[in-house]
Amino acid sequence: MQIKEVIQHLETLAPTTYAEDFDNVGLLVGSPETLLTGILVTLDTLENIIDEAIESDCNLIVSFHPIVFKGLKRFNGSNYVERVIMKAIKNDIAIFAIHTALDNALHGVNDMMCEQLGLINRKILIPQRGSIKKLVTFAPIAEAETLRSKLFEAGAGTIGNYDNCSFSSEGIGTFRASENANPSIGEIGKIHQEKEAQIQVTYPKHCEGKILKALFQNHTYEEVAYEITTLENKNENIGMGMIGELPQGMEELDFLKHLKKVFNTGCVRHSALLNKPIKKVAVLGGSGSFAISSAYRAGADIFITADLKYHQFYEAENKLILADIGHYESEQYTKNLIVSYLRKKISNFAIILSDKNTNPIQYI
């Protein structure tokens, strides 16, 4: 197996096309053509993680956080980022980062947080915009149904719990083939009229390559007329954060103690208690202060995240509880999720869960 085959599985779990613009995801070090020896899964890629990969004979590290966020101008080992990259290259170890692609995935970081808390009726807190596209194309009426079916097979036409969704209308298409053309219908130099069906389908943007390939391979015309539009519709299956419900409401202090135990955190920093039961819970792994207002609008009794600053706790405004459980703590179960997924997909290679705690924050 080559590393690129592992990447294909990871792209199915969390397509990197849905990562945030500021992020740096994908294969950061190494060649996708390299033959795989083993996979080490970690939250962060540090020097001791490279050592662990060497000891475990793993030449691919799947890391949640990217070790490189910005461009590096020199490699002289002056900081931990340079040292990690240098050691990885020297030992032929590839590094793949998944980060906000998995943050935005339906069954990703935030779903894992909800799973640990036993939340039910889960849904994305901030659905992503700009991730749904629409294809409009034209085909001879006799061939439209076959083309439509091939587009469906490639991933087009799924809307929520429905698939094979499309819209068609009929009309007359005209064209004239030049002397350099090789028309499948009509004659060179003559204006041709053809009864055509206009086919419209929506699709998630990560499927665009497969859908265009299906369009070109199954269309009879030498030159295929088509247009693609990015829609502003929210994608309810992609986005930041998640909200769900406890099967039974809990008193505030009982829930906060439960939260501290579940995520094994040194402390839970929280805003003022509201003296009402906790039922509806919003979560966002990592730095989630930008989602405070979204959690409130969604009706959350508590919003669990990390890296809240002093003044951001005021934004609770006695409308919900804000709970900061720590950045590492909120994302710690992510590597278990990745390992579990890859072991189901790849059974003939070692997939190792790193036993290193990479949390840079300590508590006394």
Protein backbone atom coordinates (compact mmCIF):
# COMPACT_ATOMS: atom_id res chain seq x y z
CA MET A 1 0.00 0.00 0.00
CA GLN A 2 1.18 3.50 -0.82
CA ILE A 3 0.70 6.50 1.46
CA LYS A 4 -1.70 8.03 -1.04
CA GLU A 5 -4.16 5.17 -0.41
CA VAL A 6 -4.26 6.07 3.29
CA ILE A 7 -4.83 9.69 2.32
CA GLN A 8 -7.82 8.64 0.20
CA HIS A 9 -9.40 7.05 3.29
CA LEU A 10 -8.71 10.17 5.35
CA GLU A 11 -10.21 12.34 2.61
CA THR A 12 -13.39 10.26 2.86
CA LEU A 13 -13.57 10.82 6.62
CA ALA A 14 -12.77 14.54 6.42
CA PRO A 15 -12.24 16.05 2.94
CA THR A 16 -9.46 18.64 3.20
CA THR A 17 -11.42 20.91 0.85
CA TYR A 18 -13.62 21.77 3.86
CA ALA A 19 -10.70 22.95 6.02
CA GLU A 20 -10.65 26.61 7.03
CA ASP A 21 -8.74 29.01 4.78
CA PHE A 22 -6.15 29.84 7.45
CA ASP A 23 -5.27 26.19 7.97
CA ASN A 24 -2.48 24.04 6.54
CA VAL A 25 -3.82 20.53 6.04
CA GLY A 26 -2.87 17.56 3.88
CA LEU A 27 0.47 15.87 3.28
CA LEU A 28 3.01 18.30 4.76
CA VAL A 29 6.11 16.09 4.51
CA GLY A 30 6.87 13.14 2.25
CA SER A 31 5.73 11.65 -1.04
CA PRO A 32 2.29 10.09 -1.57
CA GLU A 33 3.98 7.39 -3.68
CA THR A 34 6.01 6.04 -0.75
CA LEU A 35 5.25 2.47 0.30
CA LEU A 36 3.67 2.34 3.74
CA THR A 37 5.24 0.52 6.68
CA GLY A 38 2.93 1.70 9.46
CA ILE A 39 0.84 4.61 10.72
CA LEU A 40 1.25 6.54 13.96
CA VAL A 41 -1.69 8.75 14.98
CA THR A 42 -1.12 11.75 17.23
CA LEU A 43 -2.65 15.05 18.24
CA ASP A 44 0.59 16.99 17.71
CA THR A 45 3.80 16.17 15.86
CA LEU A 46 6.75 16.86 18.16
CA GLU A 47 10.30 15.50 18.23
CA ASN A 48 9.36 12.69 20.61
CA ILE A 49 6.55 11.71 18.23
CA ILE A 50 9.09 11.34 15.40
CA ASP A 51 11.14 9.15 17.75
CA GLU A 52 8.06 7.08 18.53
CA ALA A 53 7.37 6.63 14.81
CA ILE A 54 10.95 5.45 14.24
CA GLU A 55 10.76 2.98 17.13
CA SER A 56 7.39 1.67 15.89
CA ASP A 57 8.53 1.37 12.24
CA CYS A 58 5.84 3.82 11.13
CA ASN A 59 6.74 5.97 8.14
CA LEU A 60 3.45 7.94 8.17
CA ILE A 61 2.33 10.18 11.00
CA VAL A 62 -1.30 11.26 10.91
CA SER A 63 -1.44 14.35 13.08
CA PHE A 64 -4.49 16.36 14.04
CA HIS A 65 -2.59 19.65 14.32
CA PRO A 66 -0.23 20.68 11.50
CA ILE A 67 3.36 21.14 12.60
CA VAL A 68 3.77 23.82 9.91
CA PHE A 69 1.28 26.70 9.86
CA LYS A 70 3.40 29.31 8.06
CA GLY A 71 6.13 29.10 5.47
CA LEU A 72 9.60 28.19 6.74
CA LYS A 73 12.49 30.26 5.38
CA ARG A 74 15.32 28.23 6.87
CA PHE A 75 16.03 24.78 8.28
CA ASN A 76 18.78 25.09 10.86
CA GLY A 77 17.03 23.57 13.88
CA SER A 78 16.60 26.86 15.73
CA ASN A 79 13.07 25.97 16.90
CA TYR A 80 10.96 22.89 17.50
CA VAL A 81 9.13 23.19 14.15
CA GLU A 82 12.37 23.14 12.15
CA ARG A 83 13.77 20.28 14.23
CA VAL A 84 10.65 18.16 13.70
CA ILE A 85 10.66 18.71 9.95
CA MET A 86 14.39 18.02 9.65
CA LYS A 87 14.15 14.80 11.67
CA ALA A 88 11.10 13.62 9.69
CA ILE A 89 12.83 14.19 6.35
CA LYS A 90 16.08 12.59 7.55
CA ASN A 91 14.19 9.45 8.60
CA ASP A 92 11.85 9.30 5.57
CA ILE A 93 8.74 9.87 7.68
CA ALA A 94 5.70 11.48 6.06
CA ILE A 95 3.38 13.78 8.00
CA PHE A 96 -0.28 14.27 7.16
CA ALA A 97 -2.34 16.90 9.05
CA ILE A 98 -6.14 16.81 9.15
CA HIS A 99 -7.01 19.62 11.62
CA THR A 100 -9.99 21.84 10.65
CA ALA A 101 -11.08 19.39 7.95
CA LEU A 102 -11.93 17.05 10.84
CA ASP A 103 -13.28 19.96 12.90
CA ASN A 104 -15.81 20.58 10.13
CA ALA A 105 -16.66 16.92 9.51
CA LEU A 106 -20.03 15.59 10.65
CA HIS A 107 -18.40 12.65 12.40
CA GLY A 108 -15.31 14.51 13.53
CA VAL A 109 -13.88 16.31 16.54
CA ASN A 110 -17.10 17.77 17.87
CA ASP A 111 -19.12 14.63 17.33
CA MET A 112 -16.50 12.82 19.41
CA MET A 113 -16.95 15.36 22.22
CA CYS A 114 -20.70 14.80 22.08
CA GLU A 115 -20.13 11.05 22.17
CA GLN A 116 -18.06 11.32 25.34
CA LEU A 117 -20.84 13.33 26.99
CA GLY A 118 -23.60 11.01 25.74
CA LEU A 119 -25.45 13.72 23.85
CA ILE A 120 -28.39 12.83 21.63
CA ASN A 121 -30.16 14.68 18.78
CA ARG A 122 -26.87 16.14 17.55
CA LYS A 123 -26.49 18.62 14.73
CA ILE A 124 -23.87 21.01 13.39
CA LEU A 125 -23.74 24.29 15.34
CA ILE A 126 -22.45 26.54 12.51
CA PRO A 127 -23.21 24.95 9.12
CA GLN A 128 -20.66 25.89 6.48
CA ARG A 129 -21.61 28.11 3.54
CA GLY A 130 -20.09 27.92 0.07
CA SER A 131 -19.58 24.15 0.18
CA ILE A 132 -22.54 23.23 -2.03
CA LYS A 133 -22.26 23.69 -5.80
CA LYS A 134 -24.63 23.39 -8.73
CA LEU A 135 -23.86 21.93 -12.15
CA VAL A 136 -25.94 22.86 -15.18
CA THR A 137 -25.35 20.97 -18.40
CA PHE A 138 -27.15 20.12 -21.63
CA ALA A 139 -27.49 16.76 -23.40
CA PRO A 140 -29.54 15.22 -26.21
CA ILE A 141 -32.85 14.11 -24.75
CA ALA A 142 -32.26 10.47 -25.67
CA GLU A 143 -29.04 10.42 -23.63
CA ALA A 144 -30.07 12.62 -20.71
CA GLU A 145 -31.22 9.84 -18.39
CA THR A 146 -27.97 7.90 -18.73
CA LEU A 147 -25.89 11.01 -18.12
CA ARG A 148 -28.00 11.94 -15.11
CA SER A 149 -27.50 8.48 -13.59
CA LYS A 150 -23.72 8.71 -14.03
CA LEU A 151 -23.68 12.08 -12.30
CA PHE A 152 -25.63 10.57 -9.40
CA GLU A 153 -23.12 7.70 -9.17
CA ALA A 154 -20.30 10.25 -8.92
CA GLY A 155 -21.90 11.95 -5.91
CA ALA A 156 -24.26 14.54 -7.35
CA GLY A 157 -27.91 15.01 -6.43
CA THR A 158 -27.84 14.33 -2.68
CA ILE A 159 -29.76 16.81 -0.53
CA GLY A 160 -30.06 15.94 3.17
CA ASN A 161 -31.82 12.58 3.43
CA TYR A 162 -32.67 12.49 -0.29
CA ASP A 163 -30.61 11.37 -3.27
CA ASN A 164 -31.02 11.25 -7.07
CA CYS A 165 -32.22 14.86 -6.89
CA SER A 166 -32.18 16.89 -10.11
CA PHE A 167 -34.18 19.29 -12.25
CA SER A 168 -34.60 18.98 -16.01
CA SER A 169 -36.21 21.07 -18.73
CA GLU A 170 -36.32 20.65 -22.49
CA GLY A 171 -35.42 23.04 -25.29
CA ILE A 172 -33.58 23.41 -28.59
CA GLY A 173 -29.79 23.64 -28.67
CA THR A 174 -27.97 24.97 -31.74
CA PHE A 175 -24.38 24.74 -32.92
CA ARG A 176 -22.24 24.67 -36.04
CA ALA A 177 -19.13 22.53 -36.21
CA SER A 178 -15.98 24.09 -37.73
CA GLU A 179 -13.72 22.24 -40.15
CA ASN A 180 -11.46 21.22 -37.25
CA ALA A 181 -14.28 19.67 -35.26
CA ASN A 182 -15.24 16.01 -34.96
CA PRO A 183 -18.97 16.23 -34.17
CA SER A 184 -20.86 13.21 -32.88
CA ILE A 185 -24.10 14.86 -34.00
CA GLY A 186 -24.57 17.22 -36.95
CA GLU A 187 -22.36 18.02 -39.94
CA ILE A 188 -19.31 20.23 -40.36
CA GLY A 189 -20.19 23.70 -41.60
CA LYS A 190 -23.93 23.34 -41.09
CA ILE A 191 -26.05 24.82 -38.30
CA HIS A 192 -27.57 21.96 -36.33
CA GLN A 193 -30.59 22.02 -34.05
CA GLU A 194 -30.92 19.36 -31.37
CA LYS A 195 -33.65 18.66 -28.84
CA GLU A 196 -31.81 18.83 -25.55
CA ALA A 197 -32.49 18.41 -21.87
CA GLN A 198 -31.04 20.90 -19.44
CA ILE A 199 -29.90 18.98 -16.35
CA GLN A 200 -29.31 20.69 -13.00
CA VAL A 201 -27.80 18.90 -10.01
CA THR A 202 -26.25 20.07 -6.76
CA TYR A 203 -23.24 18.41 -5.15
CA PRO A 204 -20.77 18.82 -2.26
CA LYS A 205 -17.67 20.59 -3.52
CA HIS A 206 -15.26 17.78 -2.61
CA CYS A 207 -16.96 15.61 -5.26
CA GLU A 208 -16.36 18.08 -8.10
CA GLY A 209 -13.46 16.19 -9.68
CA LYS A 210 -15.40 12.91 -9.87
CA ILE A 211 -18.52 14.64 -11.15
CA LEU A 212 -16.73 16.47 -13.96
CA LYS A 213 -14.97 13.25 -14.91
CA ALA A 214 -18.35 11.49 -15.13
CA LEU A 215 -19.74 14.38 -17.17
CA PHE A 216 -16.97 14.31 -19.76
CA GLN A 217 -16.76 10.52 -19.99
CA ASN A 218 -20.49 10.01 -20.48
CA HIS A 219 -21.42 12.97 -22.67
CA THR A 220 -21.71 12.38 -26.38
CA TYR A 221 -20.67 15.89 -27.47
CA GLU A 222 -17.07 16.68 -28.38
CA GLU A 223 -17.39 20.03 -26.59
CA VAL A 224 -19.49 19.78 -23.43
CA ALA A 225 -21.45 22.88 -22.45
CA TYR A 226 -21.73 23.26 -18.68
CA GLU A 227 -21.63 25.84 -15.92
CA ILE A 228 -20.84 25.60 -12.20
CA THR A 229 -22.20 27.88 -9.50
CA THR A 230 -21.28 28.04 -5.81
CA LEU A 231 -24.44 28.26 -3.71
CA GLU A 232 -24.88 30.22 -0.51
CA ASN A 233 -27.03 27.49 1.03
CA LYS A 234 -25.84 26.19 4.38
CA ASN A 235 -24.47 22.65 4.36
CA GLU A 236 -26.06 21.03 7.41
CA ASN A 237 -23.53 18.16 7.32
CA ILE A 238 -20.39 20.31 7.32
CA GLY A 239 -19.40 23.00 9.79
CA MET A 240 -17.95 24.09 13.11
CA GLY A 241 -19.19 22.93 16.48
CA MET A 242 -22.09 20.73 17.40
CA ILE A 243 -25.13 20.92 19.64
CA GLY A 244 -27.06 18.12 21.27
CA GLU A 245 -29.05 17.19 24.35
CA LEU A 246 -28.47 15.21 27.51
CA PRO A 247 -30.91 12.29 27.83
CA GLN A 248 -31.80 13.72 31.25
CA GLY A 249 -31.17 17.23 32.54
CA MET A 250 -28.44 17.72 35.16
CA GLU A 251 -27.86 20.32 37.83
CA GLU A 252 -25.15 22.79 36.84
CA LEU A 253 -22.48 21.82 39.39
CA ASP A 254 -23.12 18.11 38.82
CA PHE A 255 -22.67 18.59 35.08
CA LEU A 256 -19.47 20.63 35.49
CA LYS A 257 -18.00 17.94 37.74
CA HIS A 258 -19.03 15.32 35.20
CA LEU A 259 -17.44 17.40 32.44
CA LYS A 260 -14.17 17.66 34.37
CA LYS A 261 -14.09 13.90 34.90
CA VAL A 262 -14.99 12.94 31.32
CA PHE A 263 -12.30 15.15 29.80
CA ASN A 264 -9.79 14.54 32.59
CA THR A 265 -8.95 18.23 32.81
CA GLY A 266 -7.02 20.00 35.52
CA CYS A 267 -9.78 22.57 35.85
CA VAL A 268 -12.92 23.86 34.20
CA ARG A 269 -13.03 27.64 33.87
CA HIS A 270 -16.63 28.77 33.62
CA SER A 271 -18.87 31.82 33.69
CA ALA A 272 -21.52 32.48 36.34
CA LEU A 273 -24.01 29.72 37.06
CA LEU A 274 -27.64 30.42 36.17
CA ASN A 275 -29.37 28.17 38.72
CA LYS A 276 -31.21 26.12 36.14
CA PRO A 277 -30.68 22.55 34.87
CA ILE A 278 -28.34 21.77 31.97
CA LYS A 279 -30.13 20.02 29.11
CA LYS A 280 -28.97 21.46 25.78
CA VAL A 281 -25.19 21.38 25.28
CA ALA A 282 -23.06 23.03 22.57
CA VAL A 283 -19.44 22.02 22.01
CA LEU A 284 -16.56 23.20 19.85
CA GLY A 285 -13.15 21.59 20.17
CA GLY A 286 -10.15 23.89 20.36
CA SER A 287 -10.40 27.69 20.28
CA GLY A 288 -14.12 28.38 19.98
CA SER A 289 -14.83 31.87 21.29
CA PHE A 290 -16.14 32.90 17.86
CA ALA A 291 -19.11 30.57 18.35
CA ILE A 292 -20.44 31.97 21.64
CA SER A 293 -23.28 33.87 19.98
CA SER A 294 -24.12 30.85 17.79
CA ALA A 295 -24.40 28.64 20.87
CA TYR A 296 -26.74 31.16 22.49
CA ARG A 297 -28.93 31.47 19.37
CA ALA A 298 -29.15 27.68 19.19
CA GLY A 299 -30.61 27.63 22.70
CA ALA A 300 -27.67 26.00 24.47
CA ASP A 301 -27.65 25.97 28.26
CA ILE A 302 -23.87 25.59 28.23
CA PHE A 303 -21.14 26.04 25.61
CA ILE A 304 -18.02 23.89 26.04
CA THR A 305 -14.85 24.98 24.27
CA ALA A 306 -11.29 26.20 25.01
CA ASP A 307 -8.95 29.19 25.02
CA LEU A 308 -11.51 31.72 26.26
CA LYS A 309 -10.01 35.07 27.27
CA TYR A 310 -10.96 37.02 30.38
CA HIS A 311 -13.38 39.44 28.73
CA GLN A 312 -14.99 36.73 26.60
CA PHE A 313 -16.53 35.21 29.71
CA TYR A 314 -18.62 38.38 29.98
CA GLU A 315 -20.23 37.45 26.65
CA ALA A 316 -22.25 34.80 28.49
CA GLU A 317 -24.39 37.72 29.73
CA ASN A 318 -26.29 35.38 32.07
CA LYS A 319 -27.87 33.71 29.04
CA LEU A 320 -25.80 30.52 29.06
CA ILE A 321 -22.77 29.08 30.81
CA LEU A 322 -19.39 29.23 29.10
CA ALA A 323 -17.04 26.40 30.04
CA ASP A 324 -13.36 26.31 29.06
CA ILE A 325 -11.98 22.79 29.52
CA GLY A 326 -8.58 23.36 27.85
CA HIS A 327 -7.48 23.09 24.22
CA TYR A 328 -5.75 19.70 24.46
CA GLU A 329 -8.49 18.29 26.65
CA SER A 330 -11.26 19.23 24.22
CA GLU A 331 -9.49 17.49 21.31
CA GLN A 332 -7.80 14.59 23.10
CA TYR A 333 -10.18 11.91 21.85
CA THR A 334 -9.66 12.91 18.23
CA LYS A 335 -6.72 10.57 17.75
CA ASN A 336 -8.83 7.66 19.02
CA LEU A 337 -11.42 8.55 16.39
CA ILE A 338 -8.81 8.51 13.61
CA VAL A 339 -7.29 5.21 14.77
CA SER A 340 -10.69 3.54 15.01
CA TYR A 341 -11.62 4.74 11.52
CA LEU A 342 -8.36 3.66 9.88
CA ARG A 343 -8.39 0.22 11.53
CA LYS A 344 -11.78 -0.42 9.93
CA LYS A 345 -10.45 0.61 6.53
CA ILE A 346 -6.92 -0.85 6.70
CA SER A 347 -6.44 -4.21 8.39
CA ASN A 348 -3.02 -5.31 7.09
CA PHE A 349 -0.85 -2.47 8.46
CA ALA A 350 0.01 -1.42 11.98
CA ILE A 351 -2.03 1.61 13.03
CA ILE A 352 -0.68 2.83 16.33
CA LEU A 353 -2.23 5.28 18.77
CA SER A 354 0.56 7.45 20.13
CA ASP A 355 0.96 7.09 23.87
CA LYS A 356 2.61 10.49 24.22
CA ASN A 357 0.80 13.30 26.00
CA THR A 358 1.59 16.37 23.90
CA ASN A 359 -0.30 18.86 26.07
CA PRO A 360 2.03 21.85 26.64
CA ILE A 361 -0.10 23.09 29.55
CA GLN A 362 0.44 21.65 33.01
CA TYR A 363 -1.67 21.99 36.19
CA ILE A 364 -0.73 21.86 39.85
